[in-house]
Amino acid sequence: MSLSSVFNIAGSGMSAQTTRLNTVASNIANAETVSSSLDQTYRARHPVFATMFQGAQSGGSDSLFQNQDGAGQGVQVLGVVEDQSNLEARYEPNHPSADAKGYVYYPNVNVVEEMADMISASRSFQTNAEMMNTAKTMMQKVLTLGQ
């Protein structure tokens, strides 16, 4: 693995964490939306990540680090899935969105969990940005070795 591939790996991590932050923002924005039916109620969304591995290289490799060369090459977002946990039904017969039985349905969004996810995604994004800066500094030091 070359030092220049650090930029691709960190960039894919930053992109994945941006998707995660966007889904958290969507979940928090819809945390208190109501509906009169289960089918129309907002469900929390969560991104699904997967590790990208380096493809098979052509020819044999005589590298001492041959086993490490198959390490992950970043992360990819496979998609965003809806949380299938139960929705909250509250008995509020005076609410304008209440159904015939007087129930209003609230999303399955836990704001505390979403805030923890937001902090985690933000820190992961920041760590990837710092990794890129460190790699850039290392490459600049390599260029000054010959002086």
Protein backbone atom coordinates (compact mmCIF):
# COMPACT_ATOMS: atom_id res chain seq x y z
CA MET A 1 0.00 0.00 0.00
CA SER A 2 1.47 3.32 -1.03
CA LEU A 3 1.29 6.55 0.89
CA SER A 4 -0.76 8.12 -1.88
CA SER A 5 -3.56 5.58 -1.36
CA VAL A 6 -4.13 7.10 2.09
CA PHE A 7 -5.89 10.00 0.38
CA ASN A 8 -8.34 7.66 -1.38
CA ILE A 9 -9.03 5.70 1.79
CA ALA A 10 -9.54 8.80 3.94
CA GLY A 11 -11.66 10.40 1.21
CA SER A 12 -13.96 7.39 1.08
CA GLY A 13 -14.26 7.52 4.87
CA MET A 14 -15.13 11.21 4.76
CA SER A 15 -17.75 10.56 2.09
CA ALA A 16 -19.28 7.73 4.15
CA GLN A 17 -19.42 9.88 7.28
CA THR A 18 -21.08 12.67 5.30
CA THR A 19 -23.81 10.21 4.31
CA ARG A 20 -24.12 9.19 7.94
CA LEU A 21 -24.44 12.84 9.04
CA ASN A 22 -27.10 13.46 6.39
CA THR A 23 -29.21 10.52 7.57
CA VAL A 24 -28.86 11.63 11.20
CA ALA A 25 -30.00 15.13 10.24
CA SER A 26 -32.99 13.68 8.39
CA ASN A 27 -33.90 11.51 11.37
CA ILE A 28 -33.68 14.38 13.86
CA ALA A 29 -35.66 16.69 11.57
CA ASN A 30 -38.48 14.14 11.39
CA ALA A 31 -38.37 13.01 15.04
CA GLU A 32 -41.63 14.73 15.97
CA THR A 33 -43.58 14.43 12.72
CA VAL A 34 -46.92 12.70 13.12
CA SER A 35 -49.18 10.67 10.90
CA SER A 36 -52.61 9.13 11.08
CA SER A 37 -51.49 5.76 9.69
CA LEU A 38 -48.60 3.36 10.14
CA ASP A 39 -47.82 3.35 6.41
CA GLN A 40 -47.31 7.11 6.17
CA THR A 41 -45.24 7.53 9.34
CA TYR A 42 -41.56 8.39 8.94
CA ARG A 43 -39.17 5.59 9.88
CA ALA A 44 -35.62 6.20 11.03
CA ARG A 45 -32.99 5.61 8.37
CA HIS A 46 -29.48 4.22 8.80
CA PRO A 47 -26.63 3.90 6.27
CA VAL A 48 -25.05 0.51 5.60
CA PHE A 49 -21.28 0.51 5.10
CA ALA A 50 -18.96 -2.11 3.63
CA THR A 51 -15.20 -2.41 3.38
CA MET A 52 -13.70 -2.08 -0.09
CA PHE A 53 -10.85 -4.50 -0.68
CA GLN A 54 -8.04 -4.17 -3.18
CA GLY A 55 -8.68 -6.20 -6.31
CA ALA A 56 -6.44 -9.04 -7.37
CA GLN A 57 -3.23 -7.66 -8.77
CA SER A 58 -1.85 -8.90 -12.02
CA GLY A 59 1.24 -11.00 -11.64
CA GLY A 60 2.94 -12.19 -8.49
CA SER A 61 4.04 -9.81 -5.81
CA ASP A 62 7.44 -10.22 -4.17
CA SER A 63 6.60 -7.70 -1.47
CA LEU A 64 7.57 -8.43 2.13
CA PHE A 65 4.18 -7.05 3.04
CA GLN A 66 2.22 -9.23 0.64
CA ASN A 67 -0.34 -10.18 3.29
CA GLN A 68 -0.93 -6.55 4.22
CA ASP A 69 -1.39 -5.55 0.56
CA GLY A 70 -4.86 -7.12 0.69
CA ALA A 71 -5.93 -4.69 3.40
CA GLY A 72 -9.04 -2.60 3.09
CA GLN A 73 -8.96 0.16 0.52
CA GLY A 74 -11.68 2.31 2.02
CA VAL A 75 -15.35 2.18 2.77
CA GLN A 76 -18.39 2.30 0.56
CA VAL A 77 -22.02 3.06 1.31
CA LEU A 78 -24.15 0.11 0.21
CA GLY A 79 -27.36 2.00 0.84
CA VAL A 80 -29.66 3.53 3.40
CA VAL A 81 -32.19 1.25 5.10
CA GLU A 82 -35.28 2.03 7.12
CA ASP A 83 -35.45 0.94 10.75
CA GLN A 84 -38.19 -1.67 11.10
CA SER A 85 -38.67 -1.31 14.86
CA ASN A 86 -42.14 -0.47 16.18
CA LEU A 87 -43.58 3.00 15.78
CA GLU A 88 -45.02 4.85 18.74
CA ALA A 89 -48.81 5.14 18.82
CA ARG A 90 -50.17 7.80 21.17
CA TYR A 91 -53.79 8.32 22.06
CA GLU A 92 -54.46 11.98 21.21
CA PRO A 93 -58.10 12.23 20.03
CA ASN A 94 -57.95 16.05 19.77
CA HIS A 95 -54.92 16.06 17.44
CA PRO A 96 -55.78 17.10 13.86
CA SER A 97 -53.87 14.09 12.47
CA ALA A 98 -55.56 11.51 14.71
CA ASP A 99 -57.11 8.47 13.04
CA ALA A 100 -60.70 7.26 13.62
CA LYS A 101 -59.68 5.61 16.92
CA GLY A 102 -57.93 8.78 18.16
CA TYR A 103 -54.35 7.55 17.70
CA VAL A 104 -51.45 9.51 16.27
CA TYR A 105 -48.30 7.67 15.12
CA TYR A 106 -44.83 9.02 15.86
CA PRO A 107 -41.55 7.96 14.19
CA ASN A 108 -39.19 5.40 15.73
CA VAL A 109 -36.43 8.01 16.09
CA ASN A 110 -34.49 8.12 19.35
CA VAL A 111 -33.00 11.62 19.45
CA VAL A 112 -30.40 10.67 22.08
CA GLU A 113 -29.06 7.84 19.89
CA GLU A 114 -29.09 10.12 16.87
CA MET A 115 -27.06 12.76 18.73
CA ALA A 116 -24.51 10.10 19.73
CA ASP A 117 -24.34 8.98 16.07
CA MET A 118 -23.86 12.59 15.00
CA ILE A 119 -20.95 13.08 17.40
CA SER A 120 -19.38 9.78 16.30
CA ALA A 121 -19.73 10.62 12.59
CA SER A 122 -18.33 14.10 13.15
CA ARG A 123 -15.30 12.73 15.01
CA SER A 124 -14.70 10.07 12.36
CA PHE A 125 -14.84 12.72 9.65
CA GLN A 126 -12.39 14.86 11.61
CA THR A 127 -10.02 11.90 12.09
CA ASN A 128 -10.01 11.17 8.35
CA ALA A 129 -9.25 14.84 7.63
CA GLU A 130 -6.35 14.76 10.10
CA MET A 131 -5.08 11.56 8.47
CA MET A 132 -5.00 13.34 5.11
CA ASN A 133 -3.08 16.26 6.61
CA THR A 134 -0.56 13.89 8.19
CA ALA A 135 -0.03 12.06 4.89
CA LYS A 136 0.42 15.40 3.12
CA THR A 137 3.02 16.48 5.68
CA MET A 138 4.87 13.18 5.32
CA MET A 139 4.97 13.52 1.53
CA GLN A 140 6.29 17.07 1.84
CA LYS A 141 9.05 15.85 4.21
CA VAL A 142 10.03 13.16 1.70
CA LEU A 143 10.47 15.85 -0.96
CA THR A 144 12.83 17.82 1.27
CA LEU A 145 15.08 14.82 2.08
CA GLY A 146 17.32 15.40 -0.91
CA GLN A 147 18.09 19.02 -0.09
